[in-house]
Amino acid sequence: MERELVIVLDFGGQYNQLIARRVRECNVYCEVHPYTMSLEEIRERNPKGIIFTGGPNSVYGDDSPSCDKAIFEMGIPVLGICYGAQLMNHLLGGTVSTAPVREYGKTEVHFDTSGKMFTNVSETSVCWMSHTDYISQPAPGFEIKATTPVCPVAAAENVEKGLYCVQFHPEVVHTREGKKMLANFLFDVCHCAGDWKMDSFVETSIQALRERIGNGKVLCALSGGVDSSVAAKLLTDAGFSCIGCTMKLYDNEDAGIPKANTCCSLDDVEDARSVAYRLGMPYYVFNLKDKFAECVIDRFVDAYEHGITPNPCIDCNRYLKFDKLFERADIMDCRYIATGHYARIEREGEKYVLKKALDETKDQSYVLYDLTQETLARVKFPLGSLRKTEAREIAAEAGLINARKHDSQDICFVPDGDYAKVIENRTGKTPEPGPFLDLNGNVIGTHRGIIHYTVGQRRGLRMPSDGKIYVVKILPERNAVVVGPNEALFTRACFVPGMHWISGEAPALPFRCSAKTRYRQPEQPCTVYPAGAHGVRLVFDEPLRAITPGQSAVLYDGDTVLGGGIIAREDAAC
């Protein structure tokens, strides 16, 4: 889908999505990305303009969000708003300091209407201010284009470089002519055409689904979140006969878990029901709590008791979200199932291949490596070619109740991240204390039970040390925890005793690829060697930190997932 694009870089401001909405209201497509987005990624996306958001920090603080100032040399117009304006000037040689008077609320601003952003704007207009710091001296090359009685640089521009900054918030309705100012930036500075329409984008996505899926009834898994809801909407809009369902896996309210952080609350079921009703789909709730407890929670508990750190989301996909969905799909005469996962499935010759989502910031292929050819033939991921911002916009346009709902973050059955408490409640046992060992095997303290620890952990060790120490290894046979310095966590190899190959066939070994040993870890180049009847040994080009038994190693060839398996406890050979 070729279209002009404006990128919003988020520095922690509260109005980031609102900025994007205002840009889209001008018929210009817009995406919100974190301020850490690399210059290479920006170049690849080829935006017509970039907008920096506001933020809660001071730009001169040591830990404040920042960016590479080379962004201002890319030839792409940049608009900085509030914190974004201050950051731009700070990086380019201006002065940002604490204002003698904080401005907050509706403020009269005086404009030099010769400025490109302020064409046809009143010379005095009301704008919304919210800042403690201000630009006391603009960066070289900038001309001041707006002031207030207490703010010497309410707006400034460097036309030659295509750089613009405003201390106020043009995106909020309290800024009387804010939409006009943003339109001036989009059309007079960025030279956008303004020919993007949300409905045309949705139609393109729907047509692609028709071509990929063909005919057949679809069982749509609805979690209550925005992703699965948009997946179902795209399928129903494409004309498929869809049935909605929610798998009730765990009563998180019983554990006192806030609904915003998990995926299994009663409110989630009601949100899913509401979406199904709005889309005209039959809807069912499947009670799988017993199966979830057996296949996910109990496996999780057993793993921690044996000194390994599992990924319960992979087990949930393996034993519940696909196996059980297919069972119900067969009963209901559904040819396909559909979920809201961000991943892609393509047909290459006689084989199906699993690929990363186009939005790599949301890619979930890591937790899907266990899918088989039979599964890939029948499962559909409608969001694989979408970005998260697009999914939310589709949901908002459709009036879905969960369009702005927060994503789930935590493991549903683990309240407040306290894994040990869950294990104690599940087993009814208090973990047995044991020794902390140094790298030489000397006892240097007493731990609270191995379930409290995982490789790479530093917090909660509760023992004196001359320097920073971390959990390096867990020895369940000795009920011992080995600790050491950070450098002791690095290793170049790991053993995966049982590999699952998505193609159904093991490739010729050895071979080169890249691999991830944690969900949020960037892929790392490695060589894959045979090890045992069905296992492999991964040897990385560079040492990796905290390769952890129980986590999964997933192999990639470019954006294609080759397969994966559970990392075993490392041996001395590594």
Protein backbone atom coordinates (compact mmCIF):
# COMPACT_ATOMS: atom_id res chain seq x y z
CA MET A 1 0.00 0.00 0.00
CA GLU A 2 1.82 3.06 -1.28
CA ARG A 3 0.85 6.20 0.60
CA GLU A 4 2.43 9.32 1.94
CA LEU A 5 3.28 9.11 5.62
CA VAL A 6 3.91 11.37 8.60
CA ILE A 7 5.65 9.83 11.60
CA VAL A 8 4.92 10.95 15.17
CA LEU A 9 7.85 10.22 17.50
CA ASP A 10 6.57 9.80 21.05
CA PHE A 11 8.68 11.26 23.87
CA GLY A 12 6.17 10.34 26.56
CA GLY A 13 3.55 12.99 25.89
CA GLN A 14 -0.07 12.51 26.80
CA TYR A 15 -1.34 13.73 23.42
CA ASN A 16 0.62 11.41 21.09
CA GLN A 17 -2.44 9.63 19.68
CA LEU A 18 -4.32 12.91 19.46
CA ILE A 19 -1.57 14.38 17.27
CA ALA A 20 -1.89 11.38 14.95
CA ARG A 21 -5.66 11.78 14.87
CA ARG A 22 -5.39 15.45 13.89
CA VAL A 23 -2.99 14.57 11.07
CA ARG A 24 -5.36 11.88 9.78
CA GLU A 25 -8.23 14.37 9.94
CA CYS A 26 -6.25 16.28 7.31
CA ASN A 27 -6.37 13.12 5.14
CA VAL A 28 -2.70 12.37 5.68
CA TYR A 29 -1.73 8.93 6.94
CA CYS A 30 0.13 8.98 10.26
CA GLU A 31 1.80 6.49 12.59
CA VAL A 32 3.01 6.84 16.20
CA HIS A 33 6.42 5.34 17.01
CA PRO A 34 8.69 5.48 20.09
CA TYR A 35 11.42 8.09 20.13
CA THR A 36 13.96 5.24 19.92
CA MET A 37 13.02 4.56 16.29
CA SER A 38 16.30 4.39 14.38
CA LEU A 39 17.30 6.67 11.53
CA GLU A 40 17.52 3.60 9.30
CA GLU A 41 13.91 2.69 10.08
CA ILE A 42 12.81 6.26 9.40
CA ARG A 43 14.60 6.33 6.05
CA GLU A 44 13.03 2.99 5.11
CA ARG A 45 9.55 4.33 5.90
CA ASN A 46 10.27 7.47 3.80
CA PRO A 47 7.97 9.90 5.65
CA LYS A 48 6.93 13.26 4.28
CA GLY A 49 7.33 14.77 7.76
CA ILE A 50 8.14 14.01 11.39
CA ILE A 51 6.44 15.36 14.51
CA PHE A 52 8.03 15.26 17.98
CA THR A 53 5.50 14.99 20.83
CA GLY A 54 5.53 16.61 24.23
CA GLY A 55 6.88 14.82 27.29
CA PRO A 56 7.10 15.07 31.09
CA ASN A 57 10.87 15.50 31.39
CA SER A 58 13.40 18.31 31.18
CA VAL A 59 15.50 17.98 28.02
CA TYR A 60 18.70 18.70 29.93
CA GLY A 61 18.16 15.84 32.41
CA ASP A 62 20.61 12.94 32.31
CA ASP A 63 17.95 10.29 31.72
CA SER A 64 15.58 12.33 29.57
CA PRO A 65 14.41 10.92 26.21
CA SER A 66 16.46 12.16 23.30
CA CYS A 67 17.32 11.31 19.70
CA ASP A 68 20.17 11.43 17.23
CA LYS A 69 20.50 15.02 16.05
CA ALA A 70 21.33 13.65 12.61
CA ILE A 71 17.55 13.38 12.20
CA PHE A 72 17.58 17.11 11.46
CA GLU A 73 19.94 16.56 8.51
CA MET A 74 17.78 13.97 6.73
CA GLY A 75 15.97 16.53 4.59
CA ILE A 76 12.63 15.60 6.20
CA PRO A 77 10.63 18.47 7.77
CA VAL A 78 10.36 18.18 11.55
CA LEU A 79 7.81 19.81 13.86
CA GLY A 80 8.59 19.83 17.58
CA ILE A 81 5.70 20.29 20.02
CA CYS A 82 6.35 21.41 23.62
CA TYR A 83 9.07 19.00 24.87
CA GLY A 84 9.76 18.21 21.21
CA ALA A 85 10.36 21.91 20.53
CA GLN A 86 12.71 22.19 23.49
CA LEU A 87 14.60 19.05 22.49
CA MET A 88 15.10 20.29 18.95
CA ASN A 89 16.60 23.57 20.15
CA HIS A 90 18.64 21.91 22.91
CA LEU A 91 20.28 19.51 20.46
CA LEU A 92 20.95 22.22 17.88
CA GLY A 93 22.64 24.71 20.20
CA GLY A 94 19.80 26.71 21.71
CA THR A 95 19.18 27.25 25.42
CA VAL A 96 16.42 25.55 27.39
CA SER A 97 15.97 26.56 31.01
CA THR A 98 13.43 26.66 33.81
CA ALA A 99 10.83 29.32 33.11
CA PRO A 100 10.41 32.06 35.74
CA VAL A 101 6.65 31.60 35.40
CA ARG A 102 5.00 28.29 34.50
CA GLU A 103 2.41 28.58 31.75
CA TYR A 104 -0.55 26.25 31.99
CA GLY A 105 -3.92 26.51 30.28
CA LYS A 106 -5.37 28.83 27.69
CA THR A 107 -2.84 31.54 26.81
CA GLU A 108 -2.86 34.47 24.38
CA VAL A 109 -0.06 34.02 21.86
CA HIS A 110 1.18 36.73 19.48
CA PHE A 111 2.12 35.42 16.01
CA ASP A 112 4.28 36.62 13.17
CA THR A 113 1.97 35.45 10.41
CA SER A 114 4.79 35.47 7.87
CA GLY A 115 5.83 32.13 9.39
CA LYS A 116 4.92 29.17 7.19
CA MET A 117 2.94 27.47 9.95
CA PHE A 118 0.94 30.58 10.71
CA THR A 119 -0.38 31.61 7.31
CA ASN A 120 -4.00 32.77 7.70
CA VAL A 121 -3.70 32.51 11.50
CA SER A 122 -4.80 35.49 13.62
CA GLU A 123 -2.01 37.72 14.89
CA THR A 124 -3.26 37.07 18.42
CA SER A 125 -4.85 33.71 19.14
CA VAL A 126 -5.58 31.46 22.12
CA CYS A 127 -3.34 28.41 22.51
CA TRP A 128 -2.98 25.70 25.13
CA MET A 129 0.25 25.86 27.13
CA SER A 130 1.59 23.26 29.56
CA HIS A 131 5.27 23.73 30.37
CA THR A 132 7.69 24.43 33.20
CA ASP A 133 10.81 24.82 31.03
CA TYR A 134 11.03 27.07 28.01
CA ILE A 135 13.34 27.99 25.14
CA SER A 136 15.13 31.09 26.40
CA GLN A 137 17.38 31.32 23.32
CA PRO A 138 16.54 29.56 20.04
CA ALA A 139 19.15 27.51 18.20
CA PRO A 140 21.22 29.23 15.49
CA GLY A 141 19.29 29.57 12.22
CA PHE A 142 15.87 29.76 13.92
CA GLU A 143 13.62 32.81 13.69
CA ILE A 144 11.12 33.49 16.45
CA LYS A 145 7.57 33.48 15.08
CA ALA A 146 5.44 33.61 18.24
CA THR A 147 5.71 34.93 21.80
CA THR A 148 3.72 35.39 24.99
CA PRO A 149 4.36 37.95 27.75
CA VAL A 150 6.36 35.30 29.69
CA CYS A 151 7.57 32.99 26.89
CA PRO A 152 10.17 34.51 24.55
CA VAL A 153 9.99 31.61 22.06
CA ALA A 154 6.45 30.32 21.73
CA ALA A 155 7.23 29.26 18.16
CA ALA A 156 10.25 29.38 15.86
CA GLU A 157 11.30 28.11 12.44
CA ASN A 158 14.37 27.32 10.40
CA VAL A 159 12.93 27.34 6.91
CA GLU A 160 16.19 26.36 5.22
CA LYS A 161 16.42 23.14 7.28
CA GLY A 162 12.67 22.52 7.35
CA LEU A 163 12.58 22.67 11.16
CA TYR A 164 9.62 24.08 13.09
CA CYS A 165 8.83 24.21 16.78
CA VAL A 166 5.90 25.36 18.94
CA GLN A 167 5.86 25.57 22.74
CA PHE A 168 2.07 25.16 22.84
CA HIS A 169 -0.12 22.20 21.82
CA PRO A 170 -1.80 22.75 18.43
CA GLU A 171 -3.41 19.30 18.57
CA VAL A 172 -5.85 20.08 21.43
CA VAL A 173 -9.18 21.80 20.87
CA HIS A 174 -8.24 24.56 23.33
CA THR A 175 -5.77 25.87 20.73
CA ARG A 176 -8.26 27.83 18.70
CA GLU A 177 -6.48 27.61 15.32
CA GLY A 178 -4.37 24.55 16.00
CA LYS A 179 -5.80 22.43 13.19
CA LYS A 180 -5.05 25.21 10.73
CA MET A 181 -1.43 25.36 11.96
CA LEU A 182 -0.99 21.60 11.58
CA ALA A 183 -2.52 21.74 8.11
CA ASN A 184 -0.03 24.46 7.15
CA PHE A 185 2.82 22.22 8.31
CA LEU A 186 1.46 19.20 6.42
CA PHE A 187 0.65 20.95 3.14
CA ASP A 188 2.89 24.03 2.90
CA VAL A 189 5.98 22.57 4.56
CA CYS A 190 5.76 18.79 3.98
CA HIS A 191 3.88 19.17 0.66
CA CYS A 192 1.45 16.36 1.45
CA ALA A 193 -1.32 15.70 -1.05
CA GLY A 194 -3.96 14.90 1.57
CA ASP A 195 -5.48 12.07 -0.46
CA TRP A 196 -5.48 9.35 2.19
CA LYS A 197 -8.78 7.91 3.41
CA MET A 198 -9.25 5.39 6.19
CA ASP A 199 -12.05 3.62 4.36
CA SER A 200 -9.89 3.04 1.27
CA PHE A 201 -7.16 1.56 3.44
CA VAL A 202 -9.60 -0.81 5.11
CA GLU A 203 -10.99 -1.88 1.76
CA THR A 204 -7.49 -2.70 0.51
CA SER A 205 -6.92 -4.89 3.57
CA ILE A 206 -10.26 -6.63 3.10
CA GLN A 207 -9.53 -7.37 -0.56
CA ALA A 208 -6.20 -8.90 0.41
CA LEU A 209 -7.99 -11.18 2.88
CA ARG A 210 -10.42 -12.33 0.19
CA GLU A 211 -7.53 -13.25 -2.07
CA ARG A 212 -5.59 -15.08 0.66
CA ILE A 213 -8.38 -16.97 2.40
CA GLY A 214 -10.97 -17.83 -0.22
CA ASN A 215 -14.21 -19.28 1.08
CA GLY A 216 -15.11 -21.02 4.30
CA LYS A 217 -16.57 -20.52 7.75
CA VAL A 218 -14.20 -18.99 10.31
CA LEU A 219 -14.07 -19.42 14.10
CA CYS A 220 -12.69 -16.13 15.42
CA ALA A 221 -10.97 -16.14 18.80
CA LEU A 222 -11.95 -12.96 20.67
CA SER A 223 -9.92 -12.08 23.74
CA GLY A 224 -11.75 -8.82 24.43
CA GLY A 225 -8.75 -6.83 23.20
CA VAL A 226 -8.50 -4.61 20.16
CA ASP A 227 -6.33 -6.92 18.02
CA SER A 228 -8.61 -9.96 17.91
CA SER A 229 -11.61 -7.65 17.47
CA VAL A 230 -10.09 -5.98 14.40
CA ALA A 231 -9.15 -9.38 12.97
CA ALA A 232 -12.80 -10.44 13.27
CA LYS A 233 -14.03 -7.17 11.75
CA LEU A 234 -11.77 -7.52 8.72
CA LEU A 235 -13.04 -11.05 8.14
CA THR A 236 -16.71 -10.14 8.49
CA ASP A 237 -16.25 -7.13 6.20
CA ALA A 238 -14.65 -9.46 3.67
CA GLY A 239 -17.88 -11.45 3.59
CA PHE A 240 -16.91 -14.53 5.57
CA SER A 241 -19.30 -16.39 7.82
CA CYS A 242 -17.74 -15.86 11.23
CA ILE A 243 -18.43 -17.23 14.69
CA GLY A 244 -16.90 -15.47 17.70
CA CYS A 245 -15.64 -17.27 20.77
CA THR A 246 -13.72 -16.57 23.95
CA MET A 247 -11.75 -19.18 25.84
CA LYS A 248 -12.24 -18.65 29.56
CA LEU A 249 -8.91 -19.70 30.98
CA TYR A 250 -8.55 -18.11 34.38
CA ASP A 251 -10.58 -16.06 36.84
CA ASN A 252 -8.05 -13.31 37.37
CA GLU A 253 -10.39 -11.32 39.62
CA ASP A 254 -10.04 -14.08 42.18
CA ALA A 255 -6.36 -13.19 42.41
CA GLY A 256 -7.02 -9.49 42.63
CA ILE A 257 -5.38 -8.69 39.30
CA PRO A 258 -6.32 -5.38 37.65
CA LYS A 259 -8.22 -6.01 34.45
CA ALA A 260 -6.03 -3.56 32.50
CA ASN A 261 -2.97 -5.76 32.84
CA THR A 262 -4.29 -9.15 31.91
CA CYS A 263 -6.37 -10.88 29.30
CA CYS A 264 -8.82 -12.97 31.31
CA SER A 265 -11.11 -10.68 33.26
CA LEU A 266 -14.91 -10.79 33.21
CA ASP A 267 -14.85 -7.38 31.59
CA ASP A 268 -12.81 -8.85 28.73
CA VAL A 269 -15.52 -11.45 28.10
CA GLU A 270 -18.15 -8.72 28.02
CA ASP A 271 -16.02 -6.61 25.65
CA ALA A 272 -15.66 -9.63 23.35
CA ARG A 273 -19.41 -10.26 23.49
CA SER A 274 -20.05 -6.59 22.63
CA VAL A 275 -17.75 -6.78 19.61
CA ALA A 276 -19.38 -9.98 18.36
CA TYR A 277 -22.82 -8.40 18.71
CA ARG A 278 -21.72 -5.28 16.82
CA LEU A 279 -20.27 -7.41 14.02
CA GLY A 280 -23.37 -9.61 13.81
CA MET A 281 -21.54 -12.78 14.85
CA PRO A 282 -22.81 -15.66 16.96
CA TYR A 283 -20.77 -15.78 20.14
CA TYR A 284 -19.75 -18.53 22.57
CA VAL A 285 -17.65 -18.78 25.72
CA PHE A 286 -15.65 -21.98 26.14
CA ASN A 287 -14.71 -22.89 29.71
CA LEU A 288 -11.18 -24.29 29.58
CA LYS A 289 -10.03 -23.40 33.07
CA ASP A 290 -9.23 -26.98 34.06
CA LYS A 291 -7.20 -27.58 30.91
CA PHE A 292 -5.39 -24.27 31.38
CA ALA A 293 -4.51 -25.15 34.96
CA GLU A 294 -3.18 -28.54 33.89
CA CYS A 295 -1.26 -27.55 30.76
CA VAL A 296 -0.08 -24.04 31.62
CA ILE A 297 -0.15 -23.24 35.34
CA ASP A 298 1.05 -26.63 36.57
CA ARG A 299 3.81 -26.74 33.94
CA PHE A 300 4.82 -23.24 35.00
CA VAL A 301 5.00 -24.28 38.66
CA ASP A 302 6.94 -27.46 37.89
CA ALA A 303 9.47 -25.55 35.81
CA TYR A 304 10.26 -23.04 38.56
CA GLU A 305 10.54 -25.85 41.12
CA HIS A 306 13.21 -27.41 38.88
CA GLY A 307 15.17 -24.20 38.49
CA ILE A 308 14.13 -23.23 34.98
CA THR A 309 12.22 -20.20 33.71
CA PRO A 310 9.31 -21.11 31.39
CA ASN A 311 7.35 -19.05 28.88
CA PRO A 312 3.72 -19.88 29.69
CA CYS A 313 2.41 -17.97 26.65
CA ILE A 314 4.02 -20.57 24.38
CA ASP A 315 2.38 -23.40 26.32
CA CYS A 316 -0.93 -21.56 26.18
CA ASN A 317 -0.68 -21.27 22.39
CA ARG A 318 0.38 -24.89 22.04
CA TYR A 319 -2.18 -26.57 24.28
CA LEU A 320 -5.10 -24.14 24.37
CA LYS A 321 -5.27 -21.41 21.76
CA PHE A 322 -4.78 -23.68 18.79
CA ASP A 323 -5.43 -27.29 19.76
CA LYS A 324 -8.68 -26.55 21.56
CA LEU A 325 -9.78 -23.98 19.01
CA PHE A 326 -9.43 -26.53 16.23
CA GLU A 327 -11.44 -29.05 18.25
CA ARG A 328 -14.29 -26.54 18.53
CA ALA A 329 -13.90 -25.44 14.92
CA ASP A 330 -14.38 -29.02 13.74
CA ILE A 331 -17.50 -29.40 15.89
CA MET A 332 -18.90 -26.15 14.47
CA ASP A 333 -17.99 -27.04 10.87
CA CYS A 334 -15.52 -24.15 10.58
CA ARG A 335 -12.85 -24.50 7.93
CA TYR A 336 -10.54 -21.93 9.54
CA ILE A 337 -9.72 -20.33 12.84
CA ALA A 338 -8.54 -16.72 13.15
CA THR A 339 -6.68 -14.89 15.90
CA GLY A 340 -5.31 -11.41 16.48
CA HIS A 341 -1.65 -12.45 16.42
CA TYR A 342 0.80 -10.22 14.57
CA ALA A 343 2.41 -12.70 12.18
CA ARG A 344 2.05 -13.78 8.55
CA ILE A 345 1.45 -17.12 6.83
CA GLU A 346 2.44 -17.60 3.20
CA ARG A 347 2.43 -20.50 0.78
CA GLU A 348 5.74 -21.31 -0.86
CA GLY A 349 5.43 -24.26 -3.23
CA GLU A 350 3.92 -27.18 -1.34
CA LYS A 351 4.79 -25.76 2.08
CA TYR A 352 3.35 -23.10 4.37
CA VAL A 353 5.81 -20.70 5.97
CA LEU A 354 5.45 -18.56 9.09
CA LYS A 355 6.83 -15.05 8.76
CA LYS A 356 7.26 -12.04 10.96
CA ALA A 357 4.60 -9.36 11.02
CA LEU A 358 5.29 -6.29 8.94
CA ASP A 359 5.13 -4.28 12.17
CA GLU A 360 8.22 -5.71 13.84
CA THR A 361 7.50 -3.77 17.04
CA LYS A 362 4.41 -5.99 17.51
CA ASP A 363 5.69 -9.18 15.86
CA GLN A 364 4.58 -12.33 17.75
CA SER A 365 6.21 -14.99 15.58
CA TYR A 366 8.51 -15.94 18.49
CA VAL A 367 5.62 -17.49 20.45
CA LEU A 368 4.23 -19.26 17.36
CA TYR A 369 7.24 -21.35 16.39
CA ASP A 370 5.49 -24.58 17.43
CA LEU A 371 2.85 -24.38 14.68
CA THR A 372 2.69 -27.29 12.22
CA GLN A 373 1.96 -27.47 8.50
CA GLU A 374 -1.54 -28.75 9.33
CA THR A 375 -2.14 -25.78 11.63
CA LEU A 376 -0.76 -23.21 9.19
CA ALA A 377 -3.11 -24.50 6.49
CA ARG A 378 -6.14 -23.60 8.61
CA VAL A 379 -5.18 -20.65 10.82
CA LYS A 380 -5.45 -17.04 9.67
CA PHE A 381 -3.70 -13.95 11.04
CA PRO A 382 -5.49 -10.97 9.45
CA LEU A 383 -3.28 -8.43 11.26
CA GLY A 384 0.02 -9.71 9.91
CA SER A 385 0.32 -6.94 7.33
CA LEU A 386 -1.00 -4.16 9.58
CA ARG A 387 0.64 -1.89 12.09
CA LYS A 388 -0.79 -1.53 15.58
CA THR A 389 -1.72 2.08 14.91
CA GLU A 390 -3.72 0.96 11.87
CA ALA A 391 -5.56 -1.68 13.89
CA ARG A 392 -6.57 0.87 16.51
CA GLU A 393 -7.76 3.29 13.86
CA ILE A 394 -9.88 0.59 12.21
CA ALA A 395 -11.41 -0.23 15.60
CA ALA A 396 -12.13 3.43 16.31
CA GLU A 397 -13.74 3.98 12.91
CA ALA A 398 -15.92 0.90 13.48
CA GLY A 399 -17.00 2.13 16.91
CA LEU A 400 -15.65 -0.96 18.69
CA ILE A 401 -15.79 -0.66 22.47
CA ASN A 402 -12.13 -1.61 22.94
CA ALA A 403 -10.55 0.68 20.31
CA ARG A 404 -8.40 2.47 22.93
CA LYS A 405 -8.11 -0.40 25.38
CA HIS A 406 -4.65 -1.00 26.83
CA ASP A 407 -2.74 -4.06 25.68
CA SER A 408 -2.37 -6.86 28.22
CA GLN A 409 1.11 -6.90 29.74
CA ASP A 410 1.36 -9.48 32.47
CA ILE A 411 0.95 -13.24 32.68
CA CYS A 412 -2.75 -13.62 33.47
CA PHE A 413 -2.34 -15.91 36.48
CA VAL A 414 0.58 -14.08 38.08
CA PRO A 415 -0.62 -11.18 40.28
CA ASP A 416 1.79 -8.21 40.32
CA GLY A 417 4.62 -10.27 38.86
CA ASP A 418 4.99 -12.31 42.07
CA TYR A 419 5.71 -15.73 40.55
CA ALA A 420 6.79 -17.27 43.86
CA LYS A 421 3.48 -16.40 45.53
CA VAL A 422 1.56 -18.14 42.75
CA ILE A 423 3.72 -21.24 43.14
CA GLU A 424 3.32 -21.31 46.92
CA ASN A 425 -0.45 -20.91 46.62
CA ARG A 426 -0.63 -23.63 43.99
CA THR A 427 1.52 -26.19 45.82
CA GLY A 428 0.70 -25.29 49.41
CA LYS A 429 4.43 -25.51 50.18
CA THR A 430 6.95 -22.99 51.48
CA PRO A 431 10.17 -23.20 49.45
CA GLU A 432 13.21 -24.56 51.23
CA PRO A 433 16.08 -22.09 51.77
CA GLY A 434 19.48 -23.06 50.42
CA PRO A 435 22.98 -21.74 49.77
CA PHE A 436 24.14 -18.92 47.56
CA LEU A 437 27.38 -20.05 45.92
CA ASP A 438 30.08 -17.97 44.27
CA LEU A 439 31.62 -19.07 40.99
CA ASN A 440 34.14 -21.21 42.89
CA GLY A 441 31.44 -23.09 44.79
CA ASN A 442 31.94 -21.30 48.10
CA VAL A 443 28.88 -20.67 50.26
CA ILE A 444 28.42 -16.91 50.62
CA GLY A 445 24.83 -16.62 51.83
CA THR A 446 21.38 -18.19 52.10
CA HIS A 447 18.61 -17.87 49.53
CA ARG A 448 14.83 -18.01 50.10
CA GLY A 449 14.12 -20.96 47.79
CA ILE A 450 15.01 -21.44 44.12
CA ILE A 451 11.53 -20.48 42.92
CA HIS A 452 12.39 -16.87 43.75
CA TYR A 453 15.21 -16.69 41.19
CA THR A 454 15.97 -16.75 37.48
CA VAL A 455 19.18 -16.36 35.48
CA GLY A 456 20.21 -12.73 35.10
CA GLN A 457 18.29 -11.56 38.17
CA ARG A 458 19.85 -8.91 40.39
CA ARG A 459 16.98 -7.53 42.50
CA GLY A 460 15.89 -9.35 45.61
CA LEU A 461 19.12 -11.25 46.30
CA ARG A 462 19.31 -9.70 49.77
CA MET A 463 22.99 -10.34 50.41
CA PRO A 464 25.99 -8.08 50.96
CA SER A 465 28.40 -7.56 48.08
CA ASP A 466 31.28 -5.32 47.15
CA GLY A 467 29.84 -4.96 43.65
CA LYS A 468 26.82 -5.79 41.51
CA ILE A 469 26.04 -9.51 41.50
CA TYR A 470 23.54 -11.51 39.49
CA VAL A 471 22.07 -14.99 39.41
CA VAL A 472 24.35 -16.94 37.06
CA LYS A 473 23.00 -20.49 37.43
CA ILE A 474 20.42 -22.44 39.43
CA LEU A 475 21.32 -25.94 40.69
CA PRO A 476 18.05 -27.62 41.75
CA GLU A 477 19.77 -30.91 42.61
CA ARG A 478 21.71 -29.01 45.32
CA ASN A 479 18.99 -26.45 46.04
CA ALA A 480 21.69 -23.89 45.30
CA VAL A 481 21.85 -20.56 43.46
CA VAL A 482 25.15 -19.53 41.87
CA VAL A 483 25.83 -15.78 41.75
CA GLY A 484 28.54 -13.70 40.17
CA PRO A 485 29.38 -10.52 38.27
CA ASN A 486 27.59 -9.43 35.11
CA GLU A 487 30.36 -10.72 32.84
CA ALA A 488 29.72 -14.26 34.11
CA LEU A 489 26.30 -14.18 32.43
CA PHE A 490 27.69 -14.11 28.89
CA THR A 491 27.99 -17.30 26.84
CA ARG A 492 28.22 -18.10 23.14
CA ALA A 493 26.27 -21.34 22.99
CA CYS A 494 23.16 -23.14 24.14
CA PHE A 495 21.65 -26.61 23.74
CA VAL A 496 18.12 -27.23 22.48
CA PRO A 497 17.39 -30.97 22.88
CA GLY A 498 14.12 -31.09 20.94
CA MET A 499 13.68 -28.86 17.90
CA HIS A 500 10.38 -28.26 16.14
CA TRP A 501 10.83 -27.47 12.42
CA ILE A 502 7.87 -25.64 10.89
CA SER A 503 8.49 -27.22 7.49
CA GLY A 504 8.12 -30.65 9.07
CA GLU A 505 11.65 -31.58 8.04
CA ALA A 506 14.99 -30.85 9.70
CA PRO A 507 17.33 -28.91 7.40
CA ALA A 508 20.82 -30.11 6.59
CA LEU A 509 23.13 -29.26 9.48
CA PRO A 510 25.19 -27.23 10.18
CA PHE A 511 23.78 -24.01 8.74
CA ARG A 512 23.80 -20.27 9.38
CA CYS A 513 20.79 -18.28 10.57
CA SER A 514 19.78 -15.86 13.31
CA ALA A 515 18.11 -16.71 16.59
CA LYS A 516 16.29 -15.19 19.55
CA THR A 517 16.57 -16.66 23.04
CA ARG A 518 14.01 -14.28 24.55
CA TYR A 519 10.82 -12.70 23.22
CA ARG A 520 12.03 -9.09 23.33
CA GLN A 521 15.60 -9.83 22.30
CA PRO A 522 16.96 -8.79 18.89
CA GLU A 523 17.93 -11.70 16.68
CA GLN A 524 21.58 -12.69 16.79
CA PRO A 525 23.60 -14.45 14.06
CA CYS A 526 24.60 -18.01 14.88
CA THR A 527 25.58 -21.39 13.49
CA VAL A 528 23.30 -24.39 14.13
CA TYR A 529 25.02 -27.73 14.77
CA PRO A 530 23.47 -31.18 15.31
CA ALA A 531 23.31 -32.38 18.93
CA GLY A 532 21.69 -35.71 19.76
CA ALA A 533 18.87 -37.39 17.88
CA HIS A 534 16.57 -34.36 17.58
CA GLY A 535 18.53 -31.55 19.18
CA VAL A 536 20.77 -28.72 18.06
CA ARG A 537 23.52 -26.61 19.54
CA LEU A 538 23.46 -22.92 18.71
CA VAL A 539 26.82 -21.16 18.65
CA PHE A 540 26.47 -17.39 18.43
CA ASP A 541 28.92 -15.07 16.73
CA GLU A 542 29.07 -12.93 19.85
CA PRO A 543 28.40 -13.88 23.49
CA LEU A 544 24.80 -13.40 24.65
CA ARG A 545 23.74 -12.33 28.12
CA ALA A 546 21.63 -14.56 30.37
CA ILE A 547 20.66 -17.43 28.07
CA THR A 548 18.10 -19.04 30.35
CA PRO A 549 16.97 -22.68 30.59
CA GLY A 550 13.24 -22.95 29.99
CA GLN A 551 13.06 -20.06 27.54
CA SER A 552 12.74 -20.79 23.82
CA ALA A 553 15.36 -20.44 21.13
CA VAL A 554 13.64 -19.49 17.86
CA LEU A 555 15.49 -19.60 14.54
CA TYR A 556 14.96 -17.15 11.66
CA ASP A 557 16.04 -16.94 8.04
CA GLY A 558 15.37 -13.30 7.32
CA ASP A 559 11.70 -12.79 8.19
CA THR A 560 10.88 -16.53 7.98
CA VAL A 561 10.59 -18.61 11.15
CA LEU A 562 12.43 -21.91 10.73
CA GLY A 563 11.46 -23.43 14.08
CA GLY A 564 12.41 -23.48 17.72
CA GLY A 565 12.64 -25.37 20.97
CA ILE A 566 13.15 -25.11 24.72
CA ILE A 567 16.66 -24.24 25.93
CA ALA A 568 18.08 -26.92 28.23
CA ARG A 569 20.36 -26.38 31.19
CA GLU A 570 23.77 -25.52 29.82
CA ASP A 571 26.75 -27.84 30.23
CA ALA A 572 30.42 -27.17 30.63
CA ALA A 573 31.08 -27.63 26.95
CA CYS A 574 29.54 -24.27 26.26
